[in-house]
Every structure is written in C-alpha cells, then in structure tokens.
Amino acid sequence: MIKHIVMWKFKEGAEEQMKEFLAGLNALVGQIDVLRSLQTGVNVNPNEKFSCTLVCEFDNMDDLKAYATDPRHVAVASKIKGLALERCCVDFEE
C-alpha cells in the first residue's frame, strides 16, 4: 500500500478557492478506480505553515502514477495554479 500525502500553502485571501479545490479532489472518490481512499483537510493551527492537506492510498506506485496523470485529477489540480505558493509531498509504503 502506498500513502500519498500532499500539503499546500495557499495565498492569503484564497480560502474560498482552496475549499473549492479540496471539494474537487474529494469528488474524485469513486471516479478513479486506482484510488483506494482519499481525505482532505484544512489546517486549523495558525502557527503552522501549510494551509491544507491531502492523504490518499493506492495499491502500488503504478496506481499512483495513473492517478497523477488521470485527466480528471489533472483538471482539478490545474485549478490552483497561481493560488498555491508552496507544495510538498511524500509517498511511502505501508
């Protein structure tokens, strides 16, 4: 099992667009077969750097690559261009 964790730091004032982006990611559940689970969350700790996170599970790295290039995922991800100041990611095997 592969866990895919992504965090973004959004521009000040982009909270509504961030929530729309997260809703778009959540809508991918059930649409992309290789996606085993998906959770998103908005950071509630003002002392931390990142605005929100995504945690997904895949059976293997090939499935993660298929998700990353799936047109439905690409369409959602493209909506934050210019809004996210930073992104960090880690993928680990469980």
N, C-alpha and C. Protein backbone atom coordinates (compact mmCIF):
# COMPACT_ATOMS: atom_id res chain seq x y z
N MET A 1 0.85 -1.17 0.00
CA MET A 1 0.00 0.00 0.00
C MET A 1 0.90 1.24 0.00
N ILE A 2 0.57 2.20 -0.83
CA ILE A 2 1.29 3.47 -0.91
C ILE A 2 0.41 4.57 -0.32
N LYS A 3 0.97 5.32 0.61
CA LYS A 3 0.30 6.52 1.12
C LYS A 3 0.92 7.72 0.41
N HIS A 4 0.07 8.57 -0.11
CA HIS A 4 0.46 9.77 -0.84
C HIS A 4 -0.07 10.96 -0.03
N ILE A 5 0.87 11.76 0.50
CA ILE A 5 0.49 12.89 1.35
C ILE A 5 1.02 14.17 0.71
N VAL A 6 0.11 15.13 0.51
CA VAL A 6 0.48 16.40 -0.11
C VAL A 6 -0.03 17.52 0.78
N MET A 7 0.79 18.57 0.91
CA MET A 7 0.39 19.77 1.64
C MET A 7 0.64 20.98 0.76
N TRP A 8 -0.25 21.96 0.86
CA TRP A 8 -0.13 23.19 0.09
C TRP A 8 -0.22 24.39 1.02
N LYS A 9 0.49 25.43 0.65
CA LYS A 9 0.34 26.73 1.30
C LYS A 9 -0.30 27.65 0.26
N PHE A 10 -1.49 28.14 0.57
CA PHE A 10 -2.23 29.00 -0.35
C PHE A 10 -1.97 30.47 -0.05
N LYS A 11 -2.15 31.29 -1.06
CA LYS A 11 -2.05 32.74 -0.91
C LYS A 11 -3.09 33.23 0.10
N GLU A 12 -2.73 34.29 0.77
CA GLU A 12 -3.68 34.96 1.67
C GLU A 12 -4.91 35.38 0.87
N GLY A 13 -6.09 35.15 1.39
CA GLY A 13 -7.32 35.54 0.72
C GLY A 13 -7.86 34.52 -0.27
N ALA A 14 -7.20 33.37 -0.39
CA ALA A 14 -7.64 32.35 -1.36
C ALA A 14 -8.37 31.20 -0.67
N GLU A 15 -8.94 31.46 0.49
CA GLU A 15 -9.58 30.39 1.26
C GLU A 15 -10.75 29.75 0.51
N GLU A 16 -11.55 30.56 -0.16
CA GLU A 16 -12.70 30.00 -0.88
C GLU A 16 -12.26 29.11 -2.04
N GLN A 17 -11.27 29.55 -2.79
CA GLN A 17 -10.73 28.75 -3.90
C GLN A 17 -10.10 27.46 -3.37
N MET A 18 -9.44 27.54 -2.21
CA MET A 18 -8.85 26.35 -1.61
C MET A 18 -9.94 25.33 -1.26
N LYS A 19 -11.01 25.79 -0.68
CA LYS A 19 -12.12 24.89 -0.32
C LYS A 19 -12.74 24.27 -1.58
N GLU A 20 -12.87 25.04 -2.64
CA GLU A 20 -13.39 24.50 -3.91
C GLU A 20 -12.44 23.45 -4.47
N PHE A 21 -11.14 23.71 -4.38
CA PHE A 21 -10.13 22.76 -4.83
C PHE A 21 -10.24 21.45 -4.04
N LEU A 22 -10.34 21.54 -2.73
CA LEU A 22 -10.46 20.33 -1.90
C LEU A 22 -11.74 19.58 -2.21
N ALA A 23 -12.83 20.30 -2.45
CA ALA A 23 -14.10 19.65 -2.83
C ALA A 23 -13.93 18.91 -4.16
N GLY A 24 -13.18 19.51 -5.08
CA GLY A 24 -12.91 18.85 -6.37
C GLY A 24 -12.11 17.58 -6.19
N LEU A 25 -11.13 17.60 -5.30
CA LEU A 25 -10.37 16.38 -5.02
C LEU A 25 -11.26 15.32 -4.40
N ASN A 26 -12.09 15.72 -3.44
CA ASN A 26 -12.99 14.76 -2.79
C ASN A 26 -13.97 14.14 -3.78
N ALA A 27 -14.34 14.89 -4.80
CA ALA A 27 -15.27 14.38 -5.81
C ALA A 27 -14.66 13.29 -6.68
N LEU A 28 -13.34 13.14 -6.64
CA LEU A 28 -12.67 12.10 -7.44
C LEU A 28 -12.88 10.70 -6.86
N VAL A 29 -13.28 10.62 -5.60
CA VAL A 29 -13.53 9.32 -4.97
C VAL A 29 -14.66 8.63 -5.73
N GLY A 30 -14.41 7.40 -6.13
CA GLY A 30 -15.41 6.63 -6.88
C GLY A 30 -15.32 6.85 -8.38
N GLN A 31 -14.58 7.86 -8.82
CA GLN A 31 -14.41 8.13 -10.25
C GLN A 31 -13.14 7.51 -10.81
N ILE A 32 -12.09 7.46 -10.00
CA ILE A 32 -10.80 6.93 -10.44
C ILE A 32 -10.57 5.62 -9.70
N ASP A 33 -10.63 4.52 -10.44
CA ASP A 33 -10.61 3.18 -9.83
C ASP A 33 -9.39 2.88 -8.98
N VAL A 34 -8.22 3.40 -9.34
CA VAL A 34 -6.99 3.06 -8.61
C VAL A 34 -6.90 3.75 -7.25
N LEU A 35 -7.75 4.71 -7.00
CA LEU A 35 -7.76 5.48 -5.76
C LEU A 35 -8.48 4.67 -4.68
N ARG A 36 -7.73 4.20 -3.67
CA ARG A 36 -8.31 3.37 -2.62
C ARG A 36 -8.99 4.19 -1.54
N SER A 37 -8.41 5.33 -1.18
CA SER A 37 -9.03 6.22 -0.21
C SER A 37 -8.46 7.62 -0.42
N LEU A 38 -9.22 8.61 0.03
CA LEU A 38 -8.80 10.00 -0.11
C LEU A 38 -9.42 10.81 1.02
N GLN A 39 -8.58 11.60 1.68
CA GLN A 39 -9.05 12.53 2.71
C GLN A 39 -8.38 13.87 2.47
N THR A 40 -9.11 14.93 2.72
CA THR A 40 -8.54 16.27 2.66
C THR A 40 -8.87 16.98 3.97
N GLY A 41 -8.09 18.01 4.26
CA GLY A 41 -8.36 18.78 5.46
C GLY A 41 -7.74 20.16 5.38
N VAL A 42 -8.39 21.10 6.05
CA VAL A 42 -7.90 22.47 6.15
C VAL A 42 -7.19 22.59 7.50
N ASN A 43 -6.00 23.16 7.48
CA ASN A 43 -5.22 23.33 8.71
C ASN A 43 -5.93 24.30 9.65
N VAL A 44 -6.14 23.87 10.88
CA VAL A 44 -6.80 24.72 11.88
C VAL A 44 -5.79 25.34 12.85
N ASN A 45 -4.51 25.04 12.66
CA ASN A 45 -3.46 25.56 13.54
C ASN A 45 -2.79 26.75 12.88
N PRO A 46 -3.05 27.97 13.33
CA PRO A 46 -2.50 29.16 12.69
C PRO A 46 -0.98 29.29 12.85
N ASN A 47 -0.38 28.48 13.71
CA ASN A 47 1.06 28.53 13.92
C ASN A 47 1.83 27.66 12.92
N GLU A 48 1.13 26.94 12.08
CA GLU A 48 1.78 26.07 11.11
C GLU A 48 1.76 26.71 9.72
N LYS A 49 2.67 26.28 8.89
CA LYS A 49 2.93 26.91 7.59
C LYS A 49 1.92 26.56 6.50
N PHE A 50 1.48 25.32 6.43
CA PHE A 50 0.66 24.87 5.30
C PHE A 50 -0.83 25.06 5.56
N SER A 51 -1.56 25.30 4.49
CA SER A 51 -2.99 25.63 4.56
C SER A 51 -3.89 24.40 4.59
N CYS A 52 -3.50 23.36 3.83
CA CYS A 52 -4.37 22.19 3.72
C CYS A 52 -3.56 20.97 3.33
N THR A 53 -4.21 19.81 3.40
CA THR A 53 -3.52 18.56 3.10
C THR A 53 -4.43 17.58 2.38
N LEU A 54 -3.79 16.63 1.73
CA LEU A 54 -4.45 15.52 1.04
C LEU A 54 -3.73 14.25 1.46
N VAL A 55 -4.48 13.21 1.80
CA VAL A 55 -3.92 11.90 2.10
C VAL A 55 -4.69 10.89 1.26
N CYS A 56 -3.94 10.18 0.40
CA CYS A 56 -4.54 9.16 -0.47
C CYS A 56 -3.84 7.83 -0.26
N GLU A 57 -4.53 6.75 -0.61
CA GLU A 57 -3.92 5.43 -0.60
C GLU A 57 -4.10 4.76 -1.95
N PHE A 58 -3.04 4.07 -2.36
CA PHE A 58 -3.00 3.34 -3.62
C PHE A 58 -2.38 1.97 -3.37
N ASP A 59 -2.70 1.01 -4.21
CA ASP A 59 -2.13 -0.32 -4.05
C ASP A 59 -0.63 -0.34 -4.33
N ASN A 60 -0.18 0.50 -5.28
CA ASN A 60 1.24 0.49 -5.67
C ASN A 60 1.57 1.81 -6.37
N MET A 61 2.85 1.99 -6.68
CA MET A 61 3.30 3.23 -7.32
C MET A 61 2.74 3.39 -8.73
N ASP A 62 2.52 2.30 -9.45
CA ASP A 62 1.91 2.41 -10.78
C ASP A 62 0.52 3.01 -10.70
N ASP A 63 -0.24 2.63 -9.66
CA ASP A 63 -1.58 3.19 -9.48
C ASP A 63 -1.50 4.68 -9.14
N LEU A 64 -0.52 5.06 -8.33
CA LEU A 64 -0.33 6.48 -8.01
C LEU A 64 -0.01 7.27 -9.27
N LYS A 65 0.85 6.72 -10.12
CA LYS A 65 1.19 7.39 -11.38
C LYS A 65 -0.04 7.51 -12.28
N ALA A 66 -0.87 6.47 -12.30
CA ALA A 66 -2.09 6.52 -13.11
C ALA A 66 -3.03 7.61 -12.60
N TYR A 67 -3.16 7.75 -11.29
CA TYR A 67 -3.98 8.79 -10.68
C TYR A 67 -3.43 10.18 -11.04
N ALA A 68 -2.12 10.34 -10.91
CA ALA A 68 -1.49 11.64 -11.15
C ALA A 68 -1.70 12.13 -12.58
N THR A 69 -1.80 11.21 -13.52
CA THR A 69 -1.95 11.59 -14.93
C THR A 69 -3.38 11.45 -15.43
N ASP A 70 -4.28 10.98 -14.59
CA ASP A 70 -5.68 10.86 -15.00
C ASP A 70 -6.23 12.25 -15.32
N PRO A 71 -6.89 12.43 -16.46
CA PRO A 71 -7.40 13.75 -16.86
C PRO A 71 -8.32 14.40 -15.83
N ARG A 72 -9.05 13.61 -15.08
CA ARG A 72 -9.94 14.17 -14.05
C ARG A 72 -9.13 14.78 -12.91
N HIS A 73 -8.06 14.11 -12.52
CA HIS A 73 -7.17 14.66 -11.48
C HIS A 73 -6.43 15.89 -12.00
N VAL A 74 -5.92 15.80 -13.21
CA VAL A 74 -5.19 16.93 -13.81
C VAL A 74 -6.08 18.17 -13.87
N ALA A 75 -7.35 17.98 -14.22
CA ALA A 75 -8.29 19.11 -14.32
C ALA A 75 -8.48 19.78 -12.96
N VAL A 76 -8.62 18.99 -11.90
CA VAL A 76 -8.77 19.56 -10.56
C VAL A 76 -7.49 20.26 -10.13
N ALA A 77 -6.35 19.60 -10.33
CA ALA A 77 -5.06 20.16 -9.91
C ALA A 77 -4.74 21.47 -10.62
N SER A 78 -5.18 21.60 -11.86
CA SER A 78 -4.87 22.82 -12.62
C SER A 78 -5.58 24.06 -12.07
N LYS A 79 -6.61 23.87 -11.26
CA LYS A 79 -7.38 24.99 -10.74
C LYS A 79 -6.64 25.81 -9.69
N ILE A 80 -5.51 25.30 -9.18
CA ILE A 80 -4.82 26.05 -8.13
C ILE A 80 -3.56 26.75 -8.63
N LYS A 81 -3.33 26.70 -9.92
CA LYS A 81 -2.16 27.42 -10.45
C LYS A 81 -2.27 28.89 -10.09
N GLY A 82 -1.21 29.42 -9.51
CA GLY A 82 -1.20 30.81 -9.10
C GLY A 82 -1.80 31.06 -7.72
N LEU A 83 -2.46 30.06 -7.15
CA LEU A 83 -3.05 30.21 -5.82
C LEU A 83 -2.20 29.57 -4.73
N ALA A 84 -1.55 28.47 -5.08
CA ALA A 84 -0.71 27.77 -4.11
C ALA A 84 0.71 28.31 -4.20
N LEU A 85 1.23 28.75 -3.07
CA LEU A 85 2.58 29.29 -3.01
C LEU A 85 3.62 28.19 -2.87
N GLU A 86 3.24 27.12 -2.18
CA GLU A 86 4.14 26.01 -1.96
C GLU A 86 3.37 24.71 -1.96
N ARG A 87 4.10 23.64 -2.29
CA ARG A 87 3.56 22.29 -2.26
C ARG A 87 4.67 21.37 -1.79
N CYS A 88 4.34 20.45 -0.90
CA CYS A 88 5.29 19.41 -0.56
C CYS A 88 4.56 18.08 -0.55
N CYS A 89 5.30 17.03 -0.82
CA CYS A 89 4.68 15.72 -0.98
C CYS A 89 5.61 14.64 -0.44
N VAL A 90 5.03 13.60 0.09
CA VAL A 90 5.76 12.40 0.46
C VAL A 90 4.90 11.20 0.10
N ASP A 91 5.55 10.17 -0.45
CA ASP A 91 4.90 8.91 -0.77
C ASP A 91 5.66 7.83 -0.02
N PHE A 92 4.95 7.04 0.77
CA PHE A 92 5.64 5.97 1.49
C PHE A 92 4.84 4.68 1.42
N GLU A 93 5.59 3.59 1.57
CA GLU A 93 4.98 2.27 1.51
C GLU A 93 4.64 1.82 2.92
N GLU A 94 3.45 1.33 3.07
CA GLU A 94 2.98 0.88 4.38
C GLU A 94 3.00 -0.61 4.46
